[in-house]
Structures are given as structure tokens and as C-alpha cells.
PDB file of N, CA and C in Angstrom:
ATOM      1  N   UNK A   1      15.488  -5.629 -13.449  1.00  0.00           N
ATOM      2  CA  UNK A   1      14.624  -6.276 -12.469  1.00  0.00           C
ATOM      3  C   UNK A   1      15.233  -6.259 -11.078  1.00  0.00           C
ATOM      4  N   UNK A   2      16.552  -6.189 -11.004  1.00  0.00           N
ATOM      5  CA  UNK A   2      17.200  -6.093  -9.693  1.00  0.00           C
ATOM      6  C   UNK A   2      16.825  -4.784  -9.000  1.00  0.00           C
ATOM      7  N   UNK A   3      16.727  -3.715  -9.770  1.00  0.00           N
ATOM      8  CA  UNK A   3      16.343  -2.420  -9.190  1.00  0.00           C
ATOM      9  C   UNK A   3      14.897  -2.452  -8.694  1.00  0.00           C
ATOM     10  N   UNK A   4      14.011  -3.134  -9.427  1.00  0.00           N
ATOM     11  CA  UNK A   4      12.619  -3.259  -8.995  1.00  0.00           C
ATOM     12  C   UNK A   4      12.553  -4.028  -7.685  1.00  0.00           C
ATOM     13  N   UNK A   5      13.254  -5.136  -7.608  1.00  0.00           N
ATOM     14  CA  UNK A   5      13.266  -5.935  -6.381  1.00  0.00           C
ATOM     15  C   UNK A   5      13.868  -5.152  -5.220  1.00  0.00           C
ATOM     16  N   UNK A   6      14.980  -4.473  -5.467  1.00  0.00           N
ATOM     17  CA  UNK A   6      15.633  -3.701  -4.407  1.00  0.00           C
ATOM     18  C   UNK A   6      14.727  -2.578  -3.902  1.00  0.00           C
ATOM     19  N   UNK A   7      14.054  -1.881  -4.806  1.00  0.00           N
ATOM     20  CA  UNK A   7      13.184  -0.784  -4.369  1.00  0.00           C
ATOM     21  C   UNK A   7      11.976  -1.323  -3.607  1.00  0.00           C
ATOM     22  N   UNK A   8      11.449  -2.477  -4.008  1.00  0.00           N
ATOM     23  CA  UNK A   8      10.310  -3.068  -3.306  1.00  0.00           C
ATOM     24  C   UNK A   8      10.725  -3.529  -1.904  1.00  0.00           C
ATOM     25  N   UNK A   9      11.898  -4.114  -1.787  1.00  0.00           N
ATOM     26  CA  UNK A   9      12.385  -4.543  -0.464  1.00  0.00           C
ATOM     27  C   UNK A   9      12.637  -3.345   0.438  1.00  0.00           C
ATOM     28  N   UNK A  10      13.153  -2.269  -0.120  1.00  0.00           N
ATOM     29  CA  UNK A  10      13.351  -1.048   0.658  1.00  0.00           C
ATOM     30  C   UNK A  10      12.008  -0.502   1.128  1.00  0.00           C
ATOM     31  N   UNK A  11      11.026  -0.495   0.250  1.00  0.00           N
ATOM     32  CA  UNK A  11       9.686  -0.041   0.613  1.00  0.00           C
ATOM     33  C   UNK A  11       9.133  -0.880   1.764  1.00  0.00           C
ATOM     34  N   UNK A  12       9.285  -2.175   1.672  1.00  0.00           N
ATOM     35  CA  UNK A  12       8.824  -3.045   2.754  1.00  0.00           C
ATOM     36  C   UNK A  12       9.587  -2.803   4.045  1.00  0.00           C
ATOM     37  N   UNK A  13      10.883  -2.569   3.941  1.00  0.00           N
ATOM     38  CA  UNK A  13      11.710  -2.368   5.131  1.00  0.00           C
ATOM     39  C   UNK A  13      11.304  -1.125   5.906  1.00  0.00           C
ATOM     40  N   UNK A  14      10.974  -0.045   5.217  1.00  0.00           N
ATOM     41  CA  UNK A  14      10.605   1.158   5.962  1.00  0.00           C
ATOM     42  C   UNK A  14       9.150   1.145   6.408  1.00  0.00           C
ATOM     43  N   UNK A  15       8.443   0.032   6.171  1.00  0.00           N
ATOM     44  CA  UNK A  15       7.112  -0.160   6.739  1.00  0.00           C
ATOM     45  C   UNK A  15       7.113  -1.247   7.820  1.00  0.00           C
ATOM     46  N   UNK A  16       8.278  -1.699   8.227  1.00  0.00           N
ATOM     47  CA  UNK A  16       8.347  -2.734   9.256  1.00  0.00           C
ATOM     48  C   UNK A  16       7.775  -2.276  10.591  1.00  0.00           C
ATOM     49  N   UNK A  17       7.758  -0.974  10.849  1.00  0.00           N
ATOM     50  CA  UNK A  17       7.193  -0.479  12.101  1.00  0.00           C
ATOM     51  C   UNK A  17       5.714  -0.835  12.211  1.00  0.00           C
ATOM     52  N   UNK A  18       5.066  -1.146  11.087  1.00  0.00           N
ATOM     53  CA  UNK A  18       3.658  -1.531  11.081  1.00  0.00           C
ATOM     54  C   UNK A  18       3.469  -3.032  11.291  1.00  0.00           C
ATOM     55  N   UNK A  19       4.561  -3.763  11.329  1.00  0.00           N
ATOM     56  CA  UNK A  19       4.500  -5.213  11.498  1.00  0.00           C
ATOM     57  C   UNK A  19       4.819  -5.938  10.198  1.00  0.00           C
ATOM     58  N   UNK A  20       5.112  -7.234  10.326  1.00  0.00           N
ATOM     59  CA  UNK A  20       5.498  -8.032   9.166  1.00  0.00           C
ATOM     60  C   UNK A  20       4.429  -8.119   8.088  1.00  0.00           C
ATOM     61  N   UNK A  21       3.144  -8.329   8.453  1.00  0.00           N
ATOM     62  CA  UNK A  21       2.141  -8.417   7.375  1.00  0.00           C
ATOM     63  C   UNK A  21       2.061  -7.149   6.524  1.00  0.00           C
ATOM     64  N   UNK A  22       2.123  -5.986   7.182  1.00  0.00           N
ATOM     65  CA  UNK A  22       2.071  -4.733   6.427  1.00  0.00           C
ATOM     66  C   UNK A  22       3.340  -4.535   5.594  1.00  0.00           C
ATOM     67  N   UNK A  23       4.481  -4.930   6.151  1.00  0.00           N
ATOM     68  CA  UNK A  23       5.729  -4.810   5.400  1.00  0.00           C
ATOM     69  C   UNK A  23       5.692  -5.699   4.159  1.00  0.00           C
ATOM     70  N   UNK A  24       5.188  -6.914   4.323  1.00  0.00           N
ATOM     71  CA  UNK A  24       5.090  -7.817   3.175  1.00  0.00           C
ATOM     72  C   UNK A  24       4.124  -7.269   2.131  1.00  0.00           C
ATOM     73  N   UNK A  25       2.994  -6.738   2.586  1.00  0.00           N
ATOM     74  CA  UNK A  25       2.050  -6.117   1.656  1.00  0.00           C
ATOM     75  C   UNK A  25       2.672  -4.957   0.900  1.00  0.00           C
ATOM     76  N   UNK A  26       3.528  -4.196   1.578  1.00  0.00           N
ATOM     77  CA  UNK A  26       4.192  -3.072   0.927  1.00  0.00           C
ATOM     78  C   UNK A  26       5.265  -3.531  -0.049  1.00  0.00           C
ATOM     79  N   UNK A  27       5.882  -4.680   0.204  1.00  0.00           N
ATOM     80  CA  UNK A  27       6.826  -5.238  -0.765  1.00  0.00           C
ATOM     81  C   UNK A  27       6.073  -5.605  -2.044  1.00  0.00           C
ATOM     82  N   UNK A  28       4.924  -6.260  -1.878  1.00  0.00           N
ATOM     83  CA  UNK A  28       4.123  -6.638  -3.047  1.00  0.00           C
ATOM     84  C   UNK A  28       3.675  -5.383  -3.799  1.00  0.00           C
ATOM     85  N   UNK A  29       3.183  -4.386  -3.050  1.00  0.00           N
ATOM     86  CA  UNK A  29       2.765  -3.147  -3.693  1.00  0.00           C
ATOM     87  C   UNK A  29       3.949  -2.483  -4.391  1.00  0.00           C
ATOM     88  N   UNK A  30       5.119  -2.515  -3.767  1.00  0.00           N
ATOM     89  CA  UNK A  30       6.312  -1.946  -4.385  1.00  0.00           C
ATOM     90  C   UNK A  30       6.688  -2.651  -5.675  1.00  0.00           C
ATOM     91  N   UNK A  31       6.545  -3.986  -5.696  1.00  0.00           N
ATOM     92  CA  UNK A  31       6.831  -4.735  -6.920  1.00  0.00           C
ATOM     93  C   UNK A  31       5.873  -4.342  -8.039  1.00  0.00           C
ATOM     94  N   UNK A  32       4.595  -4.273  -7.704  1.00  0.00           N
ATOM     95  CA  UNK A  32       3.584  -3.922  -8.705  1.00  0.00           C
ATOM     96  C   UNK A  32       3.802  -2.501  -9.211  1.00  0.00           C
ATOM     97  N   UNK A  33       3.996  -1.566  -8.276  1.00  0.00           N
ATOM     98  CA  UNK A  33       4.170  -0.167  -8.669  1.00  0.00           C
ATOM     99  C   UNK A  33       5.439   0.025  -9.491  1.00  0.00           C
ATOM    100  N   UNK A  34       6.531  -0.575  -9.063  1.00  0.00           N
ATOM    101  CA  UNK A  34       7.800  -0.411  -9.789  1.00  0.00           C
ATOM    102  C   UNK A  34       7.721  -1.045 -11.173  1.00  0.00           C
ATOM    103  N   UNK A  35       7.086  -2.211 -11.266  1.00  0.00           N
ATOM    104  CA  UNK A  35       6.929  -2.861 -12.562  1.00  0.00           C
ATOM    105  C   UNK A  35       6.078  -1.994 -13.492  1.00  0.00           C
ATOM    106  N   UNK A  36       4.970  -1.456 -12.939  1.00  0.00           N
ATOM    107  CA  UNK A  36       4.103  -0.565 -13.726  1.00  0.00           C
ATOM    108  C   UNK A  36       4.908   0.629 -14.257  1.00  0.00           C
ATOM    109  N   UNK A  37       5.673   1.259 -13.357  1.00  0.00           N
ATOM    110  CA  UNK A  37       6.433   2.436 -13.776  1.00  0.00           C
ATOM    111  C   UNK A  37       7.489   2.059 -14.816  1.00  0.00           C
ATOM    112  N   UNK A  38       8.136   0.917 -14.618  1.00  0.00           N
ATOM    113  CA  UNK A  38       9.144   0.450 -15.575  1.00  0.00           C
ATOM    114  C   UNK A  38       8.522   0.241 -16.954  1.00  0.00           C
ATOM    115  N   UNK A  39       7.319  -0.339 -16.989  1.00  0.00           N
ATOM    116  CA  UNK A  39       6.661  -0.635 -18.262  1.00  0.00           C
ATOM    117  C   UNK A  39       6.072   0.602 -18.940  1.00  0.00           C
ATOM    118  N   UNK A  40       5.499   1.520 -18.137  1.00  0.00           N
ATOM    119  CA  UNK A  40       4.757   2.629 -18.745  1.00  0.00           C
ATOM    120  C   UNK A  40       5.449   3.973 -18.616  1.00  0.00           C
ATOM    121  N   UNK A  41       6.259   4.152 -17.580  1.00  0.00           N
ATOM    122  CA  UNK A  41       6.878   5.443 -17.324  1.00  0.00           C
ATOM    123  C   UNK A  41       5.900   6.461 -16.758  1.00  0.00           C
ATOM    124  N   UNK A  42       4.697   6.022 -16.409  1.00  0.00           N
ATOM    125  CA  UNK A  42       3.659   6.925 -15.907  1.00  0.00           C
ATOM    126  C   UNK A  42       3.609   6.867 -14.384  1.00  0.00           C
ATOM    127  N   UNK A  43       3.694   8.009 -13.761  1.00  0.00           N
ATOM    128  CA  UNK A  43       3.687   8.105 -12.314  1.00  0.00           C
ATOM    129  C   UNK A  43       2.324   8.508 -11.758  1.00  0.00           C
ATOM    130  N   UNK A  44       1.537   9.250 -12.518  1.00  0.00           N
ATOM    131  CA  UNK A  44       0.246   9.747 -12.053  1.00  0.00           C
ATOM    132  C   UNK A  44      -0.686   8.671 -11.510  1.00  0.00           C
ATOM    133  N   UNK A  45      -0.903   7.576 -12.251  1.00  0.00           N
ATOM    134  CA  UNK A  45      -1.789   6.537 -11.736  1.00  0.00           C
ATOM    135  C   UNK A  45      -1.289   5.921 -10.427  1.00  0.00           C
ATOM    136  N   UNK A  46       0.005   5.858 -10.257  1.00  0.00           N
ATOM    137  CA  UNK A  46       0.562   5.306  -9.016  1.00  0.00           C
ATOM    138  C   UNK A  46       0.316   6.249  -7.845  1.00  0.00           C
ATOM    139  N   UNK A  47       0.440   7.543  -8.094  1.00  0.00           N
ATOM    140  CA  UNK A  47       0.155   8.526  -7.039  1.00  0.00           C
ATOM    141  C   UNK A  47      -1.311   8.444  -6.647  1.00  0.00           C
ATOM    142  N   UNK A  48      -2.198   8.346  -7.626  1.00  0.00           N
ATOM    143  CA  UNK A  48      -3.623   8.223  -7.348  1.00  0.00           C
ATOM    144  C   UNK A  48      -3.934   6.930  -6.590  1.00  0.00           C
ATOM    145  N   UNK A  49      -3.328   5.831  -6.976  1.00  0.00           N
ATOM    146  CA  UNK A  49      -3.549   4.554  -6.289  1.00  0.00           C
ATOM    147  C   UNK A  49      -3.066   4.625  -4.849  1.00  0.00           C
ATOM    148  N   UNK A  50      -1.901   5.208  -4.622  1.00  0.00           N
ATOM    149  CA  UNK A  50      -1.370   5.332  -3.261  1.00  0.00           C
ATOM    150  C   UNK A  50      -2.267   6.234  -2.422  1.00  0.00           C
ATOM    151  N   UNK A  51      -2.714   7.347  -2.992  1.00  0.00           N
ATOM    152  CA  UNK A  51      -3.609   8.250  -2.269  1.00  0.00           C
ATOM    153  C   UNK A  51      -4.906   7.537  -1.909  1.00  0.00           C
ATOM    154  N   UNK A  52      -5.445   6.759  -2.849  1.00  0.00           N
ATOM    155  CA  UNK A  52      -6.693   6.040  -2.598  1.00  0.00           C
ATOM    156  C   UNK A  52      -6.517   5.021  -1.478  1.00  0.00           C
ATOM    157  N   UNK A  53      -5.425   4.282  -1.490  1.00  0.00           N
ATOM    158  CA  UNK A  53      -5.158   3.324  -0.413  1.00  0.00           C
ATOM    159  C   UNK A  53      -5.064   4.027   0.940  1.00  0.00           C
ATOM    160  N   UNK A  54      -4.362   5.144   0.980  1.00  0.00           N
ATOM    161  CA  UNK A  54      -4.247   5.895   2.235  1.00  0.00           C
ATOM    162  C   UNK A  54      -5.591   6.447   2.683  1.00  0.00           C
ATOM    163  N   UNK A  55      -6.381   6.956   1.736  1.00  0.00           N
ATOM    164  CA  UNK A  55      -7.689   7.520   2.089  1.00  0.00           C
ATOM    165  C   UNK A  55      -8.589   6.445   2.674  1.00  0.00           C
ATOM    166  N   UNK A  56      -8.605   5.282   2.053  1.00  0.00           N
ATOM    167  CA  UNK A  56      -9.433   4.188   2.567  1.00  0.00           C
ATOM    168  C   UNK A  56      -8.936   3.745   3.941  1.00  0.00           C
ATOM    169  N   UNK A  57      -7.624   3.677   4.117  1.00  0.00           N
ATOM    170  CA  UNK A  57      -7.058   3.202   5.375  1.00  0.00           C
ATOM    171  C   UNK A  57      -7.226   4.180   6.524  1.00  0.00           C
ATOM    172  N   UNK A  58      -7.058   5.475   6.244  1.00  0.00           N
ATOM    173  CA  UNK A  58      -7.044   6.457   7.321  1.00  0.00           C
ATOM    174  C   UNK A  58      -8.356   7.217   7.476  1.00  0.00           C
ATOM    175  N   UNK A  59      -9.022   7.521   6.374  1.00  0.00           N
ATOM    176  CA  UNK A  59     -10.269   8.274   6.438  1.00  0.00           C
ATOM    177  C   UNK A  59     -11.462   7.332   6.576  1.00  0.00           C
ATOM    178  N   UNK A  60     -11.405   6.207   5.887  1.00  0.00           N
ATOM    179  CA  UNK A  60     -12.505   5.264   5.881  1.00  0.00           C
ATOM    180  C   UNK A  60     -13.033   4.890   7.256  1.00  0.00           C
ATOM    181  N   UNK A  61     -12.170   4.455   8.178  1.00  0.00           N
ATOM    182  CA  UNK A  61     -12.670   4.068   9.498  1.00  0.00           C
ATOM    183  C   UNK A  61     -13.329   5.212  10.272  1.00  0.00           C
ATOM    184  N   UNK A  62     -13.027   6.453   9.910  1.00  0.00           N
ATOM    185  CA  UNK A  62     -13.632   7.597  10.589  1.00  0.00           C
ATOM    186  C   UNK A  62     -15.043   7.889  10.099  1.00  0.00           C
ATOM    187  N   UNK A  63     -15.363   7.475   8.866  1.00  0.00           N
ATOM    188  CA  UNK A  63     -16.668   7.791   8.301  1.00  0.00           C
ATOM    189  C   UNK A  63     -17.597   6.582   8.202  1.00  0.00           C
ATOM    190  N   UNK A  64     -17.043   5.380   8.347  1.00  0.00           N
ATOM    191  CA  UNK A  64     -17.858   4.170   8.304  1.00  0.00           C
ATOM    192  C   UNK A  64     -18.512   3.974   9.664  1.00  0.00           C
ATOM    193  N   UNK A  65     -19.785   3.619   9.706  1.00  0.00           N
ATOM    194  CA  UNK A  65     -20.447   3.395  10.996  1.00  0.00           C
ATOM    195  C   UNK A  65     -19.747   2.319  11.832  1.00  0.00           C
ATOM    196  N   UNK A  66     -19.707   2.526  13.134  1.00  0.00           N
ATOM    197  CA  UNK A  66     -19.019   1.606  14.049  1.00  0.00           C
ATOM    198  C   UNK A  66     -19.567   0.189  13.932  1.00  0.00           C
ATOM    199  N   UNK A  67     -20.856   0.036  13.675  1.00  0.00           N
ATOM    200  CA  UNK A  67     -21.444  -1.289  13.549  1.00  0.00           C
ATOM    201  C   UNK A  67     -20.824  -2.069  12.387  1.00  0.00           C
ATOM    202  N   UNK A  68     -20.542  -1.360  11.291  1.00  0.00           N
ATOM    203  CA  UNK A  68     -19.920  -2.017  10.153  1.00  0.00           C
ATOM    204  C   UNK A  68     -18.517  -2.490  10.493  1.00  0.00           C
ATOM    205  N   UNK A  69     -17.756  -1.630  11.194  1.00  0.00           N
ATOM    206  CA  UNK A  69     -16.405  -2.001  11.582  1.00  0.00           C
ATOM    207  C   UNK A  69     -16.431  -3.194  12.531  1.00  0.00           C
ATOM    208  N   UNK A  70     -17.393  -3.209  13.467  1.00  0.00           N
ATOM    209  CA  UNK A  70     -17.533  -4.355  14.372  1.00  0.00           C
ATOM    210  C   UNK A  70     -17.843  -5.621  13.597  1.00  0.00           C
ATOM    211  N   UNK A  71     -18.743  -5.524  12.639  1.00  0.00           N
ATOM    212  CA  UNK A  71     -19.116  -6.698  11.830  1.00  0.00           C
ATOM    213  C   UNK A  71     -17.945  -7.223  11.035  1.00  0.00           C
ATOM    214  N   UNK A  72     -17.061  -6.319  10.601  1.00  0.00           N
ATOM    215  CA  UNK A  72     -15.878  -6.729   9.835  1.00  0.00           C
ATOM    216  C   UNK A  72     -14.723  -7.166  10.729  1.00  0.00           C
ATOM    217  N   UNK A  73     -14.854  -6.897  12.031  1.00  0.00           N
ATOM    218  CA  UNK A  73     -13.801  -7.263  12.961  1.00  0.00           C
ATOM    219  C   UNK A  73     -12.591  -6.348  12.914  1.00  0.00           C
ATOM    220  N   UNK A  74     -12.782  -5.100  12.518  1.00  0.00           N
ATOM    221  CA  UNK A  74     -11.658  -4.171  12.406  1.00  0.00           C
ATOM    222  C   UNK A  74     -11.775  -2.999  13.360  1.00  0.00           C
ATOM    223  N   UNK A  75     -12.696  -3.062  14.302  1.00  0.00           N
ATOM    224  CA  UNK A  75     -12.861  -1.924  15.210  1.00  0.00           C
ATOM    225  C   UNK A  75     -11.905  -2.002  16.372  1.00  0.00           C
TER     226      UNK A  75
END
């Protein structure tokens, strides 16, 4: 469990350039992902989950209508 915690903290640390909230979110994601991998040994679902998060974060705002982004307060 020390390795899971250490890897999650490292993940959060290299996302600090995005700010504290994003770094904290990445620590949580690192804990979940590392625990999943420790329990199952499966990497594929984690790669798919990470890709999906990135696609929603980076591609989503480009294809969602501006009115929706304004309504959500993320424009």
C-alpha cells in the first residue's frame, strides 16, 4: 500500500502545474488506478479510462455548443 500511495502522490505532484484542485483529483485517480491494477493486474481498462477522461476534457469543449458551455459555466 505504500507503493500505491507513493505512486498516487507522484501522479498528483506532476499535475501541480494545473493547480491544486487538479493535482488532488489526480492523486485520487492515482489511488483508484493503482489499487485497481494491484487487485486485477489489468492495464487495458485503465488506459481506456485515462483516454476517455482526456477525450472528454480536451475534445469535448471543441464539439459541445458554446451555449451549453456557458450554461455550465465552463466557457
